[in-house]
Amino acid sequence: MVEHVAERRGKPIAVVCIDMPDTVSAFSLATRDRDYIAVDRHDAELSQVNSTVHELGHFLYDGRNEGVVPAGGASPLSRELAVRLTPALNVDEVTAFFMRSHYESPVERAVETFATVALDRMIALRTPDKHGFRLTFTHRSTGV
């Protein structure tokens, strides 16, 4: 899926596992030449996959629906950690970016829905049915 989104965007996507604060499980960063997805290396594998697909959703959907950063409140990412994680970026913009969590904006809800459906499909395709087949259309009932 990472390769498909990278091809669609016309540039490679690097997925890296790093130490994250407890309040952050992943983030993505788009640059001119390459996109990056960082996930918490201490999360369970399934959580890392879900976070990766969620961030891929941002690469696919953020341009279509502008996310709204909630007003007020504190960023779950401290200024100090923002400087360490993204030293070349404006620290205020980075910490504000992390305030758009908890699915308060339409784009966050859209990309989490995308991640949930995509992850569900990936799991279904890995699990063989009672005959040993992995069906592409496991979500469809007979005759549809």
C-alpha atoms as a PDB file:
ATOM      1  CA  MET A   1       0.000   0.000   0.000  1.00  0.00           C
ATOM      2  CA  VAL A   2       2.902   2.344   0.773  1.00  0.00           C
ATOM      3  CA  GLU A   3       4.330   1.734  -2.698  1.00  0.00           C
ATOM      4  CA  HIS A   4       0.939   2.354  -4.336  1.00  0.00           C
ATOM      5  CA  VAL A   5       0.480   5.706  -2.586  1.00  0.00           C
ATOM      6  CA  ALA A   6       4.092   6.652  -3.349  1.00  0.00           C
ATOM      7  CA  GLU A   7       3.529   5.884  -7.033  1.00  0.00           C
ATOM      8  CA  ARG A   8       0.327   7.913  -7.021  1.00  0.00           C
ATOM      9  CA  ARG A   9       2.129  10.875  -5.419  1.00  0.00           C
ATOM     10  CA  GLY A  10       5.152  10.542  -7.703  1.00  0.00           C
ATOM     11  CA  LYS A  11       7.764  10.289  -4.950  1.00  0.00           C
ATOM     12  CA  PRO A  12       9.006   7.676  -2.488  1.00  0.00           C
ATOM     13  CA  ILE A  13       7.633   7.292   1.020  1.00  0.00           C
ATOM     14  CA  ALA A  14       9.958   6.303   3.860  1.00  0.00           C
ATOM     15  CA  VAL A  15       8.406   4.680   6.921  1.00  0.00           C
ATOM     16  CA  VAL A  16      10.542   4.931  10.048  1.00  0.00           C
ATOM     17  CA  CYS A  17      10.035   3.685  13.594  1.00  0.00           C
ATOM     18  CA  ILE A  18      11.147   6.116  16.291  1.00  0.00           C
ATOM     19  CA  ASP A  19      10.553   6.830  19.971  1.00  0.00           C
ATOM     20  CA  MET A  20       7.400   8.923  20.379  1.00  0.00           C
ATOM     21  CA  PRO A  21       5.840  10.594  23.405  1.00  0.00           C
ATOM     22  CA  ASP A  22       2.871   8.762  24.937  1.00  0.00           C
ATOM     23  CA  THR A  23       0.411  11.180  23.330  1.00  0.00           C
ATOM     24  CA  VAL A  24       1.660  10.661  19.744  1.00  0.00           C
ATOM     25  CA  SER A  25       1.539   7.374  17.837  1.00  0.00           C
ATOM     26  CA  ALA A  26       2.588   8.584  14.379  1.00  0.00           C
ATOM     27  CA  PHE A  27       3.009  11.563  12.088  1.00  0.00           C
ATOM     28  CA  SER A  28       3.705  12.215   8.431  1.00  0.00           C
ATOM     29  CA  LEU A  29       5.806  14.807   6.689  1.00  0.00           C
ATOM     30  CA  ALA A  30       5.756  15.691   2.999  1.00  0.00           C
ATOM     31  CA  THR A  31       8.821  17.188   1.348  1.00  0.00           C
ATOM     32  CA  ARG A  32       9.479  18.096  -2.252  1.00  0.00           C
ATOM     33  CA  ASP A  33      11.444  14.909  -3.006  1.00  0.00           C
ATOM     34  CA  ARG A  34      10.187  12.341  -0.491  1.00  0.00           C
ATOM     35  CA  ASP A  35       7.399  11.734   2.009  1.00  0.00           C
ATOM     36  CA  TYR A  36       7.976  10.382   5.501  1.00  0.00           C
ATOM     37  CA  ILE A  37       5.841   8.477   7.953  1.00  0.00           C
ATOM     38  CA  ALA A  38       7.120   8.074  11.506  1.00  0.00           C
ATOM     39  CA  VAL A  39       5.472   5.557  13.848  1.00  0.00           C
ATOM     40  CA  ASP A  40       6.108   4.785  17.489  1.00  0.00           C
ATOM     41  CA  ARG A  41       8.523   1.885  17.593  1.00  0.00           C
ATOM     42  CA  HIS A  42       7.117   0.742  20.935  1.00  0.00           C
ATOM     43  CA  ASP A  43       3.581   0.244  19.601  1.00  0.00           C
ATOM     44  CA  ALA A  44       2.318  -3.232  18.756  1.00  0.00           C
ATOM     45  CA  GLU A  45       2.726  -4.291  15.118  1.00  0.00           C
ATOM     46  CA  LEU A  46      -0.991  -3.914  14.373  1.00  0.00           C
ATOM     47  CA  SER A  47      -0.982  -0.396  15.841  1.00  0.00           C
ATOM     48  CA  GLN A  48       2.059   0.494  13.732  1.00  0.00           C
ATOM     49  CA  VAL A  49       0.308  -0.762  10.598  1.00  0.00           C
ATOM     50  CA  ASN A  50      -2.865   1.151  11.473  1.00  0.00           C
ATOM     51  CA  SER A  51      -0.855   4.319  12.117  1.00  0.00           C
ATOM     52  CA  THR A  52       1.007   3.903   8.825  1.00  0.00           C
ATOM     53  CA  VAL A  53      -2.216   3.482   6.851  1.00  0.00           C
ATOM     54  CA  HIS A  54      -3.764   6.441   8.689  1.00  0.00           C
ATOM     55  CA  GLU A  55      -0.813   8.611   7.641  1.00  0.00           C
ATOM     56  CA  LEU A  56      -1.080   7.300   4.068  1.00  0.00           C
ATOM     57  CA  GLY A  57      -4.664   8.545   4.202  1.00  0.00           C
ATOM     58  CA  HIS A  58      -3.334  12.011   4.960  1.00  0.00           C
ATOM     59  CA  PHE A  59      -1.183  11.858   1.828  1.00  0.00           C
ATOM     60  CA  LEU A  60      -4.287  10.905  -0.169  1.00  0.00           C
ATOM     61  CA  TYR A  61      -6.950  13.122   1.427  1.00  0.00           C
ATOM     62  CA  ASP A  62      -5.390  16.193   3.049  1.00  0.00           C
ATOM     63  CA  GLY A  63      -5.414  18.204  -0.174  1.00  0.00           C
ATOM     64  CA  ARG A  64      -9.112  17.540  -0.746  1.00  0.00           C
ATOM     65  CA  ASN A  65     -10.458  18.466   2.683  1.00  0.00           C
ATOM     66  CA  GLU A  66      -8.608  21.076   4.617  1.00  0.00           C
ATOM     67  CA  GLY A  67      -8.238  19.964   8.220  1.00  0.00           C
ATOM     68  CA  VAL A  68      -9.083  22.422  10.916  1.00  0.00           C
ATOM     69  CA  VAL A  69      -6.709  22.714  13.840  1.00  0.00           C
ATOM     70  CA  PRO A  70      -8.861  22.916  16.962  1.00  0.00           C
ATOM     71  CA  ALA A  71      -8.701  26.256  18.757  1.00  0.00           C
ATOM     72  CA  GLY A  72      -7.285  26.344  22.260  1.00  0.00           C
ATOM     73  CA  GLY A  73      -5.805  23.479  24.183  1.00  0.00           C
ATOM     74  CA  ALA A  74      -2.230  22.308  24.277  1.00  0.00           C
ATOM     75  CA  SER A  75      -0.318  20.353  21.701  1.00  0.00           C
ATOM     76  CA  PRO A  76       0.405  16.735  22.679  1.00  0.00           C
ATOM     77  CA  LEU A  77       3.895  17.342  21.289  1.00  0.00           C
ATOM     78  CA  SER A  78       6.189  19.501  23.384  1.00  0.00           C
ATOM     79  CA  ARG A  79       8.229  22.246  21.727  1.00  0.00           C
ATOM     80  CA  GLU A  80      11.435  20.490  22.772  1.00  0.00           C
ATOM     81  CA  LEU A  81      10.425  17.202  21.169  1.00  0.00           C
ATOM     82  CA  ALA A  82       9.197  19.006  18.039  1.00  0.00           C
ATOM     83  CA  VAL A  83      12.650  20.543  17.633  1.00  0.00           C
ATOM     84  CA  ARG A  84      14.295  17.127  18.094  1.00  0.00           C
ATOM     85  CA  LEU A  85      11.959  15.309  15.669  1.00  0.00           C
ATOM     86  CA  THR A  86      11.788  17.993  12.976  1.00  0.00           C
ATOM     87  CA  PRO A  87      14.700  20.420  13.463  1.00  0.00           C
ATOM     88  CA  ALA A  88      14.360  21.978   9.992  1.00  0.00           C
ATOM     89  CA  LEU A  89      10.712  22.986  10.472  1.00  0.00           C
ATOM     90  CA  ASN A  90       9.032  25.855  12.299  1.00  0.00           C
ATOM     91  CA  VAL A  91       8.415  24.590  15.841  1.00  0.00           C
ATOM     92  CA  ASP A  92       5.113  26.482  16.216  1.00  0.00           C
ATOM     93  CA  GLU A  93       3.703  24.958  13.035  1.00  0.00           C
ATOM     94  CA  VAL A  94       4.799  21.478  14.071  1.00  0.00           C
ATOM     95  CA  THR A  95       3.229  21.678  17.542  1.00  0.00           C
ATOM     96  CA  ALA A  96       0.018  23.168  16.090  1.00  0.00           C
ATOM     97  CA  PHE A  97      -0.084  20.326  13.562  1.00  0.00           C
ATOM     98  CA  PHE A  98      -0.227  17.795  16.396  1.00  0.00           C
ATOM     99  CA  MET A  99      -3.245  19.531  17.896  1.00  0.00           C
ATOM    100  CA  ARG A 100      -5.387  18.128  15.097  1.00  0.00           C
ATOM    101  CA  SER A 101      -5.663  14.750  16.745  1.00  0.00           C
ATOM    102  CA  HIS A 102      -8.610  12.999  18.358  1.00  0.00           C
ATOM    103  CA  TYR A 103     -10.622  13.092  15.105  1.00  0.00           C
ATOM    104  CA  GLU A 104     -12.052  16.558  15.737  1.00  0.00           C
ATOM    105  CA  SER A 105     -11.604  17.644  12.113  1.00  0.00           C
ATOM    106  CA  PRO A 106     -13.326  16.228   9.026  1.00  0.00           C
ATOM    107  CA  VAL A 107     -10.003  15.206   7.482  1.00  0.00           C
ATOM    108  CA  GLU A 108      -8.986  13.268  10.615  1.00  0.00           C
ATOM    109  CA  ARG A 109     -12.275  11.381  10.551  1.00  0.00           C
ATOM    110  CA  ALA A 110     -11.873  10.675   6.826  1.00  0.00           C
ATOM    111  CA  VAL A 111      -8.338   9.310   7.102  1.00  0.00           C
ATOM    112  CA  GLU A 112      -9.195   7.221  10.174  1.00  0.00           C
ATOM    113  CA  THR A 113     -12.150   5.739   8.287  1.00  0.00           C
ATOM    114  CA  PHE A 114      -9.805   5.014   5.367  1.00  0.00           C
ATOM    115  CA  ALA A 115      -7.298   3.362   7.735  1.00  0.00           C
ATOM    116  CA  THR A 116      -9.970   1.278   9.460  1.00  0.00           C
ATOM    117  CA  VAL A 117     -11.447  -0.021   6.209  1.00  0.00           C
ATOM    118  CA  ALA A 118      -8.032  -0.643   4.637  1.00  0.00           C
ATOM    119  CA  LEU A 119      -6.761  -2.493   7.702  1.00  0.00           C
ATOM    120  CA  ASP A 120      -9.937  -4.562   7.862  1.00  0.00           C
ATOM    121  CA  ARG A 121      -9.456  -5.529   4.204  1.00  0.00           C
ATOM    122  CA  MET A 122      -5.769  -6.401   4.739  1.00  0.00           C
ATOM    123  CA  ILE A 123      -6.665  -8.668   7.663  1.00  0.00           C
ATOM    124  CA  ALA A 124      -9.517 -10.309   5.742  1.00  0.00           C
ATOM    125  CA  LEU A 125      -7.244 -10.996   2.780  1.00  0.00           C
ATOM    126  CA  ARG A 126      -4.658 -12.669   5.045  1.00  0.00           C
ATOM    127  CA  THR A 127      -7.199 -14.971   6.685  1.00  0.00           C
ATOM    128  CA  PRO A 128      -8.209 -17.970   4.561  1.00  0.00           C
ATOM    129  CA  ASP A 129     -11.837 -19.105   4.623  1.00  0.00           C
ATOM    130  CA  LYS A 130     -12.856 -22.651   5.637  1.00  0.00           C
ATOM    131  CA  HIS A 131     -11.701 -23.926   2.204  1.00  0.00           C
ATOM    132  CA  GLY A 132      -8.287 -22.270   2.409  1.00  0.00           C
ATOM    133  CA  PHE A 133      -9.075 -19.434  -0.011  1.00  0.00           C
ATOM    134  CA  ARG A 134      -8.266 -15.788   0.515  1.00  0.00           C
ATOM    135  CA  LEU A 135     -11.078 -13.973  -1.211  1.00  0.00           C
ATOM    136  CA  THR A 136     -10.834 -10.461  -2.605  1.00  0.00           C
ATOM    137  CA  PHE A 137     -14.543  -9.815  -2.093  1.00  0.00           C
ATOM    138  CA  THR A 138     -15.007 -11.358   1.369  1.00  0.00           C
ATOM    139  CA  HIS A 139     -17.206  -8.417   2.342  1.00  0.00           C
ATOM    140  CA  ARG A 140     -19.803  -9.195  -0.330  1.00  0.00           C
ATOM    141  CA  SER A 141     -22.627 -11.642   0.248  1.00  0.00           C
ATOM    142  CA  THR A 142     -23.560 -14.312  -2.275  1.00  0.00           C
ATOM    143  CA  GLY A 143     -25.256 -12.950  -5.379  1.00  0.00           C
ATOM    144  CA  VAL A 144     -23.979  -9.395  -5.038  1.00  0.00           C
END
